[in-house]
Protein backbone atom coordinates (compact mmCIF):
# COMPACT_ATOMS: atom_id res chain seq x y z
CA MET A 1 -11.49 37.87 -18.17
CA LYS A 2 -11.63 35.74 -15.00
CA THR A 3 -13.56 37.20 -12.17
CA LYS A 4 -11.28 38.19 -9.29
CA ARG A 5 -11.75 36.05 -6.24
CA PRO A 6 -13.10 37.80 -3.07
CA ARG A 7 -10.56 37.83 -0.24
CA LEU A 8 -11.11 35.74 2.79
CA SER A 9 -11.83 37.38 6.08
CA LEU A 10 -12.16 36.20 9.64
CA LYS A 11 -15.18 38.47 10.03
CA ASP A 12 -16.95 36.20 7.59
CA GLY A 13 -18.44 33.52 9.88
CA GLY A 14 -19.03 31.31 6.89
CA THR A 15 -15.28 30.75 6.25
CA LEU A 16 -14.66 28.67 9.32
CA ARG A 17 -18.04 26.90 8.84
CA ASP A 18 -17.10 26.00 5.22
CA PHE A 19 -13.56 24.92 6.44
CA ILE A 20 -14.90 22.44 8.88
CA SER A 21 -17.59 21.23 6.58
CA ARG A 22 -15.11 20.15 3.94
CA ILE A 23 -12.58 18.31 6.34
CA GLU A 24 -12.54 14.64 5.38
CA GLN A 25 -12.08 13.53 8.97
CA GLY A 26 -15.06 13.45 11.19
CA ILE A 27 -15.27 16.19 13.84
CA TYR A 28 -17.36 15.87 16.90
CA ILE A 29 -18.16 17.63 20.29
CA VAL A 30 -19.60 15.65 23.13
CA THR A 31 -20.31 16.38 26.76
CA PRO A 32 -18.43 14.49 29.49
CA GLU A 33 -21.65 12.46 30.06
CA GLY A 34 -21.53 11.26 26.32
CA ASP A 35 -24.25 13.41 24.78
CA ILE A 36 -23.51 14.49 21.25
CA VAL A 37 -23.45 18.23 20.91
CA ASP A 38 -22.25 18.78 17.26
CA ALA A 39 -20.72 17.04 14.27
CA ASN A 40 -19.49 17.94 10.91
CA PRO A 41 -20.76 16.18 7.63
CA ALA A 42 -17.77 13.79 7.47
CA LEU A 43 -18.74 12.33 10.95
CA LEU A 44 -22.33 11.90 9.87
CA ARG A 45 -21.10 10.02 6.78
CA ILE A 46 -18.94 7.84 9.00
CA PHE A 47 -21.87 6.80 11.08
CA GLY A 48 -24.43 6.84 8.21
CA ALA A 49 -26.53 9.49 9.68
CA GLU A 50 -28.59 12.03 7.69
CA SER A 51 -28.41 14.81 10.20
CA VAL A 52 -26.95 16.03 13.50
CA GLU A 53 -30.41 15.67 15.09
CA GLN A 54 -30.48 12.02 14.03
CA LEU A 55 -27.05 11.33 15.57
CA ARG A 56 -28.14 13.14 18.83
CA GLN A 57 -30.66 10.40 19.33
CA TYR A 58 -27.67 8.27 20.40
CA ARG A 59 -25.05 8.44 23.16
CA SER A 60 -21.35 7.70 22.90
CA GLU A 61 -21.76 4.25 24.47
CA ASP A 62 -24.38 3.29 21.85
CA LEU A 63 -21.82 4.02 19.06
CA VAL A 64 -18.89 2.08 20.47
CA VAL A 65 -18.70 -1.59 20.06
CA ASP A 66 -16.54 -2.23 23.32
CA PRO A 67 -17.87 0.12 26.17
CA ALA A 68 -14.46 -0.40 27.91
CA VAL A 69 -12.96 1.89 25.25
CA LEU A 70 -14.81 4.79 26.70
CA THR A 71 -13.61 4.09 30.19
CA GLU A 72 -10.06 3.85 28.98
CA ARG A 73 -10.47 6.98 27.05
CA ARG A 74 -11.73 8.87 30.12
CA ARG A 75 -8.80 7.60 32.09
CA LEU A 76 -6.12 8.74 29.44
CA LEU A 77 -7.90 12.21 29.02
CA ALA A 78 -7.77 12.67 32.79
CA GLU A 79 -4.21 11.88 32.92
CA HIS A 80 -2.89 13.72 29.79
CA GLY A 81 -5.65 16.16 28.70
CA TRP A 82 -5.73 14.69 25.12
CA ILE A 83 -4.96 11.49 23.30
CA ARG A 84 -3.88 10.83 19.64
CA ASP A 85 -4.55 7.92 17.26
CA TYR A 86 -6.75 5.93 19.81
CA ARG A 87 -8.02 2.90 17.90
CA TYR A 88 -11.27 1.21 18.41
CA GLN A 89 -14.45 -0.15 16.69
CA ILE A 90 -17.64 1.98 16.12
CA ARG A 91 -21.06 0.85 15.49
CA CYS A 92 -22.82 2.55 12.56
CA LEU A 93 -26.44 3.36 12.48
CA ASP A 94 -27.14 0.52 10.03
CA GLY A 95 -25.56 -1.92 12.51
CA SER A 96 -22.29 -2.38 10.72
CA THR A 97 -18.95 -1.79 12.52
CA ARG A 98 -16.00 0.19 11.49
CA GLN A 99 -12.38 0.57 12.74
CA VAL A 100 -11.35 4.11 13.49
CA ARG A 101 -8.64 6.12 14.99
CA ASP A 102 -9.56 8.87 17.36
CA THR A 103 -7.61 12.10 18.50
CA VAL A 104 -9.46 13.81 21.41
CA PHE A 105 -8.87 16.77 23.75
CA THR A 106 -10.84 18.21 26.67
CA GLN A 107 -12.33 21.77 26.76
CA ARG A 108 -12.42 23.12 30.36
CA ASP A 109 -14.38 26.08 31.88
CA ASP A 110 -12.91 28.91 33.87
CA SER A 111 -12.99 26.70 36.99
CA GLY A 112 -11.03 23.95 35.31
CA GLN A 113 -14.04 21.62 35.06
CA VAL A 114 -14.33 19.63 31.84
CA GLU A 115 -17.39 20.86 29.82
CA ALA A 116 -16.83 19.17 26.49
CA LEU A 117 -14.71 16.69 24.42
CA HIS A 118 -13.67 17.67 21.00
CA GLY A 119 -12.52 15.02 18.60
CA ILE A 120 -11.20 14.18 15.13
CA LEU A 121 -12.31 10.63 13.93
CA ASP A 122 -10.39 9.09 11.06
CA VAL A 123 -11.72 5.96 9.49
CA VAL A 124 -9.28 3.01 8.87
CA ASP A 125 -11.70 1.33 6.41
CA PRO A 126 -13.30 4.29 4.57
CA LYS A 127 -16.64 3.79 2.74
CA PRO A 128 -19.17 6.26 1.32
CA ALA A 129 -22.21 7.17 3.16
CA SER A 130 -24.86 9.85 3.21
CA ALA A 131 -24.10 13.50 3.80
CA GLY A 132 -25.49 15.76 6.64
CA GLU A 133 -25.60 19.35 7.96
CA PRO A 134 -22.68 21.54 8.88
CA ALA A 135 -21.78 22.13 12.45
CA THR A 136 -22.56 25.42 14.31
CA GLU A 137 -20.11 28.22 14.62
CA ALA A 138 -19.44 28.75 18.33
CA PRO A 139 -18.23 25.31 19.15
CA LEU A 140 -16.24 25.20 15.98
CA ASN A 141 -14.17 28.24 17.03
CA ALA A 142 -13.11 26.37 20.21
CA PHE A 143 -12.39 23.31 18.10
CA PHE A 144 -10.31 25.08 15.64
CA THR A 145 -8.17 26.89 18.22
CA GLU A 146 -7.46 23.86 20.51
CA ALA A 147 -7.55 20.91 18.13
CA PRO A 148 -4.41 18.57 18.46
CA ALA A 149 -4.26 18.34 14.64
CA GLY A 150 -2.70 21.30 12.79
CA LEU A 151 -5.44 23.34 11.08
CA ALA A 152 -4.94 26.46 8.80
CA ILE A 153 -6.87 28.48 6.23
CA LEU A 154 -4.98 30.26 3.46
CA ASP A 155 -6.46 32.74 0.83
CA ALA A 156 -5.98 32.37 -2.94
CA ASP A 157 -2.57 34.08 -2.69
CA LEU A 158 -1.62 31.45 -0.19
CA ARG A 159 -1.39 33.91 2.77
CA PHE A 160 -2.35 32.68 6.21
CA VAL A 161 -5.75 33.85 7.20
CA ARG A 162 -6.08 31.54 10.19
CA ILE A 163 -4.01 28.97 12.01
CA ASN A 164 -4.45 27.14 15.23
CA ARG A 165 -1.88 26.70 17.93
CA ARG A 166 -0.84 23.05 17.07
CA LEU A 167 0.14 23.92 13.61
CA ALA A 168 2.01 27.03 14.72
CA GLU A 169 3.83 24.85 17.23
CA MET A 170 4.79 22.42 14.42
CA HIS A 171 6.36 25.46 12.69
CA VAL A 172 7.98 26.64 15.99
CA LEU A 173 6.43 30.14 15.29
CA PRO A 174 3.71 32.08 17.14
CA VAL A 175 0.48 32.27 15.62
CA ASP A 176 0.61 35.97 15.01
CA ASP A 177 3.78 35.40 13.01
CA HIS A 178 1.72 33.59 10.37
CA LEU A 179 -1.37 35.78 9.84
CA GLY A 180 -1.18 37.81 6.66
CA ARG A 181 2.06 36.35 5.51
CA MET A 182 2.59 34.13 2.55
CA LEU A 183 3.40 30.41 2.88
CA ALA A 184 6.85 30.96 1.29
CA GLU A 185 7.68 33.52 3.78
CA VAL A 186 6.74 31.40 6.87
CA LEU A 187 7.95 28.09 5.47
CA PRO A 188 10.64 28.61 2.81
CA GLY A 189 12.01 25.15 3.21
CA LEU A 190 8.54 23.50 2.47
CA ALA A 191 7.20 25.91 -0.15
CA ASP A 192 8.49 23.96 -3.08
CA VAL A 193 6.59 20.97 -1.87
CA LEU A 194 3.36 22.46 -0.50
CA GLU A 195 2.64 25.30 -3.03
CA PRO A 196 2.06 23.05 -5.98
CA ILE A 197 -0.35 20.96 -3.90
CA LEU A 198 -2.28 23.92 -2.68
CA ARG A 199 -2.36 25.70 -6.08
CA GLN A 200 -3.72 22.53 -7.64
CA VAL A 201 -6.51 22.56 -5.06
CA LEU A 202 -7.28 26.15 -5.91
CA GLY A 203 -7.12 25.51 -9.57
CA THR A 204 -9.26 22.39 -9.76
CA GLY A 205 -11.44 22.85 -6.81
CA LEU A 206 -10.68 19.25 -5.84
CA PRO A 207 -9.21 18.22 -2.47
CA ALA A 208 -5.77 16.51 -2.09
CA LEU A 209 -5.97 14.00 0.76
CA ASN A 210 -3.53 12.10 3.03
CA ILE A 211 -0.20 13.15 1.33
CA GLU A 212 2.68 12.16 3.39
CA ILE A 213 5.59 14.62 3.80
CA THR A 214 8.92 14.06 5.54
CA THR A 215 10.86 16.91 6.79
CA GLU A 216 13.58 17.86 9.33
CA ASP A 217 12.33 18.24 12.88
CA PRO A 218 12.34 22.03 13.50
CA ARG A 219 13.48 21.50 17.08
CA SER A 220 16.19 18.79 16.06
CA PRO A 221 17.30 19.07 12.57
CA ALA A 222 19.23 15.89 12.82
CA ASP A 223 15.83 14.10 13.22
CA ALA A 224 13.02 13.57 10.71
CA ARG A 225 9.24 13.98 11.18
CA VAL A 226 6.52 12.63 9.02
CA TRP A 227 3.22 14.55 8.52
CA ARG A 228 -0.04 13.61 6.81
CA VAL A 229 -1.30 16.61 4.91
CA SER A 230 -4.84 17.15 3.42
CA ALA A 231 -5.95 20.24 1.59
CA PHE A 232 -9.28 21.21 0.23
CA PRO A 233 -10.98 24.31 -1.28
CA VAL A 234 -12.76 26.80 0.79
CA GLY A 235 -15.63 28.90 -0.66
CA PRO A 236 -19.01 28.56 -2.05
CA VAL A 237 -19.82 25.31 -3.92
CA GLN A 238 -19.67 25.43 -7.74
CA GLU A 239 -17.53 28.71 -7.67
CA ASP A 240 -13.82 29.30 -7.86
CA PRO A 241 -12.26 28.64 -4.39
CA THR A 242 -11.61 31.78 -2.30
CA GLY A 243 -9.06 29.89 -0.25
CA VAL A 244 -7.71 26.54 0.73
CA GLY A 245 -7.96 24.65 4.13
CA VAL A 246 -5.14 22.56 5.42
CA VAL A 247 -5.10 19.70 7.89
CA VAL A 248 -1.79 18.44 9.23
CA VAL A 249 -1.32 15.42 11.52
CA ASP A 250 1.96 14.42 12.93
CA ILE A 251 2.37 10.71 12.18
CA THR A 252 6.07 10.26 13.05
CA ASP A 253 5.47 7.92 15.98
CA SER A 254 3.01 5.66 14.05
CA LYS A 255 5.32 5.55 10.99
CA ARG A 256 8.28 4.44 13.30
CA MET A 257 6.14 1.74 14.82
CA GLU A 258 5.20 0.48 11.38
CA GLN A 259 8.83 0.51 10.44
CA GLN A 260 9.72 -1.35 13.55
CA ALA A 261 7.09 -3.81 13.02
CA ARG A 262 8.32 -4.51 9.51
CA LEU A 263 11.84 -4.84 10.80
CA ASP A 264 10.48 -7.20 13.48
CA GLY A 265 8.65 -9.24 10.83
CA ARG A 266 11.74 -9.45 8.61
CA TYR A 267 13.85 -10.56 11.58
CA LEU A 268 11.39 -13.22 12.63
CA ALA A 269 11.14 -14.47 9.08
CA ALA A 270 14.95 -14.59 8.83
CA LEU A 271 15.08 -16.45 12.24
CA ILE A 272 12.65 -19.04 10.94
CA GLU A 273 14.16 -19.49 7.61
CA SER A 274 17.69 -19.94 9.12
CA SER A 275 16.64 -22.27 11.87
CA PRO A 276 18.16 -25.88 11.80
CA LEU A 277 14.73 -27.14 12.95
CA GLY A 278 11.95 -27.94 10.39
CA MET A 279 9.10 -25.52 10.78
CA VAL A 280 5.79 -25.49 9.26
CA THR A 281 2.56 -23.45 9.85
CA LEU A 282 -0.93 -24.79 9.14
CA ASP A 283 -4.31 -23.29 8.48
CA PRO A 284 -7.32 -24.40 10.55
CA SER A 285 -7.96 -27.31 8.17
CA SER A 286 -4.31 -28.51 8.63
CA ARG A 287 -3.17 -27.48 5.18
CA VAL A 288 0.41 -26.20 4.93
CA VAL A 289 0.60 -22.46 4.77
CA SER A 290 4.38 -22.03 4.98
CA ALA A 291 7.50 -24.11 5.54
CA ASN A 292 11.17 -23.30 6.04
CA VAL A 293 14.37 -24.68 4.42
CA ALA A 294 14.99 -27.05 7.20
CA PHE A 295 11.63 -28.67 6.64
CA GLU A 296 12.35 -29.00 2.90
CA ASN A 297 15.73 -30.63 3.56
CA LEU A 298 14.51 -33.00 6.29
CA PHE A 299 11.60 -34.39 4.21
CA LEU A 300 13.18 -33.85 0.85
CA LEU A 301 10.01 -31.88 0.02
CA PRO A 302 10.05 -28.51 -1.89
CA ARG A 303 7.78 -26.10 -0.02
CA GLU A 304 6.06 -25.28 -3.38
CA GLU A 305 4.72 -28.92 -3.42
CA ALA A 306 3.70 -28.82 0.31
CA ILE A 307 1.82 -25.53 0.45
CA GLY A 308 -2.00 -26.04 0.31
CA ARG A 309 -1.72 -29.76 1.02
CA ASP A 310 -2.77 -31.72 4.16
CA LEU A 311 0.38 -32.13 6.41
CA ASP A 312 -0.41 -35.61 7.58
CA GLU A 313 -1.07 -36.94 4.08
CA LEU A 314 2.30 -35.56 2.98
CA ILE A 315 4.71 -36.94 5.70
CA ALA A 316 2.82 -39.52 7.97
CA PRO A 317 3.56 -43.10 7.02
CA PRO A 318 0.43 -44.96 5.70
CA ASP A 319 0.22 -47.06 8.88
CA ARG A 320 0.45 -43.94 11.16
CA HIS A 321 -2.03 -41.65 9.36
CA GLU A 322 -4.84 -41.84 12.07
CA GLU A 323 -2.35 -41.32 14.90
CA ALA A 324 -0.72 -38.41 13.09
CA ARG A 325 -4.20 -36.81 12.40
CA LEU A 326 -5.29 -37.30 15.99
CA LEU A 327 -2.27 -35.34 17.14
CA THR A 328 -2.89 -32.56 14.66
CA GLN A 329 -6.47 -32.27 15.64
CA ARG A 330 -5.53 -31.95 19.25
CA THR A 331 -3.17 -29.16 18.43
CA GLN A 332 -5.95 -27.41 16.39
CA LEU A 333 -8.26 -27.69 19.48
CA GLY A 334 -5.79 -25.81 21.63
CA GLU A 335 -3.15 -28.30 23.02
CA GLN A 336 0.55 -27.86 23.07
CA LEU A 337 2.14 -31.24 22.29
CA ARG A 338 5.61 -32.90 22.21
CA ALA A 339 5.99 -36.33 20.92
CA ASP A 340 8.63 -38.57 19.25
CA GLN A 341 7.12 -39.88 15.95
CA ARG A 342 8.13 -41.57 12.73
CA ARG A 343 7.52 -39.55 9.60
CA ARG A 344 8.16 -40.27 5.87
CA ARG A 345 10.42 -38.42 3.69
CA ARG A 346 9.47 -37.84 -0.04
CA ASP A 347 11.70 -40.75 -1.15
CA GLY A 348 9.79 -43.06 1.17
CA VAL A 349 12.44 -43.47 3.81
CA GLU A 350 11.04 -43.04 7.33
CA VAL A 351 12.91 -40.82 9.78
CA LEU A 352 12.39 -40.36 13.66
CA VAL A 353 11.61 -36.97 14.74
CA ARG A 354 10.62 -35.08 17.86
CA MET A 355 7.61 -33.05 17.07
CA HIS A 356 6.53 -29.84 18.92
CA SER A 357 3.10 -28.41 18.07
CA SER A 358 1.07 -25.53 19.25
CA PRO A 359 -2.01 -23.63 18.12
CA ILE A 360 -1.79 -20.18 16.72
CA VAL A 361 -4.25 -17.74 18.15
CA LEU A 362 -4.67 -14.14 16.88
CA ASP A 363 -7.10 -11.71 18.66
CA GLY A 364 -8.61 -14.48 20.56
CA LYS A 365 -9.38 -16.56 17.39
CA HIS A 366 -7.75 -19.82 16.39
CA VAL A 367 -6.20 -19.41 13.08
CA GLY A 368 -4.10 -22.57 12.63
CA ALA A 369 -1.18 -24.32 14.13
CA HIS A 370 2.73 -24.29 14.05
CA VAL A 371 4.74 -27.50 14.13
CA ILE A 372 8.59 -27.89 14.64
CA TYR A 373 10.46 -31.05 13.78
CA GLU A 374 13.76 -32.04 15.29
CA HIS A 375 15.50 -34.99 13.46
CA LEU A 376 16.45 -37.67 15.86
CA GLY A 377 17.93 -40.10 13.38
């Protein structure tokens, strides 16, 4: 017969500590001056630290690649009180860098002065690292209560044992209306989706991470919201879980931005493909990366044959190779050019074209060139 699981209790200080220690996102608490107060094991793994004590030897500015990030973060926190999905690069203890997104909120004392910053750090380029020590209990209570991500702990029967204000707000229900009630009672519309996930975690003892769920917006049913949900077992290691911890992050805005970026990308691609002007992009070595239909028709050259080959060798007449190569090199060095030139089609016939060329620069780095050809006759 299987041993009955002990019930979770808020009087058990280890419950919250265990919950925080298992969260896959890094949790940190720092002073307004940048001194590290506490961190959970996930944050230690992110930075490659073996213990909180080792991490405390550093200050915030030591662990951020661009110090201007901290200045901007302070400004945003002063203006809004918290920020979500703030992206920047961190410097790990081994000297490597990683891209992260940060959600931070301020904790104020009775006089309204900021006494600490609490944050959830999520790595965009995850990689394994060493483990560390769990965070202490008192600051974690403040973190759990005020965190901008939705946090909850449920027992083995999927009754809410603890929930923070953010997740309660997502459900449009007070915190007290959750406690002691089963998931299916509180969220009947989501029980069919969430219960199998949480029961799998309880049954296997393995986490279920970064699951995206789309629902109606409780405040505006005609609109949809997208949530990233992670669940993991709570309880002593190598024993049956006594409960399950849940982290919920609203990613609706970032999903809309991703969708808009995809639409913008498709629009731009369609615009280039339908242009009556021949267009070609080059890598830094002046090899063809892409070409549109108008380029194919102008030079009678299928793009499949052009891609990967030197542009000037493809379309410059033999007696104009050096001149064409000089123009391309000037563009690759940063010049924008316009020139009327003779170029050769695949059948050997020369055509007069007006060439517009410009460098392509991304994030301050030169990554190639873009050339447009207008047929002049």
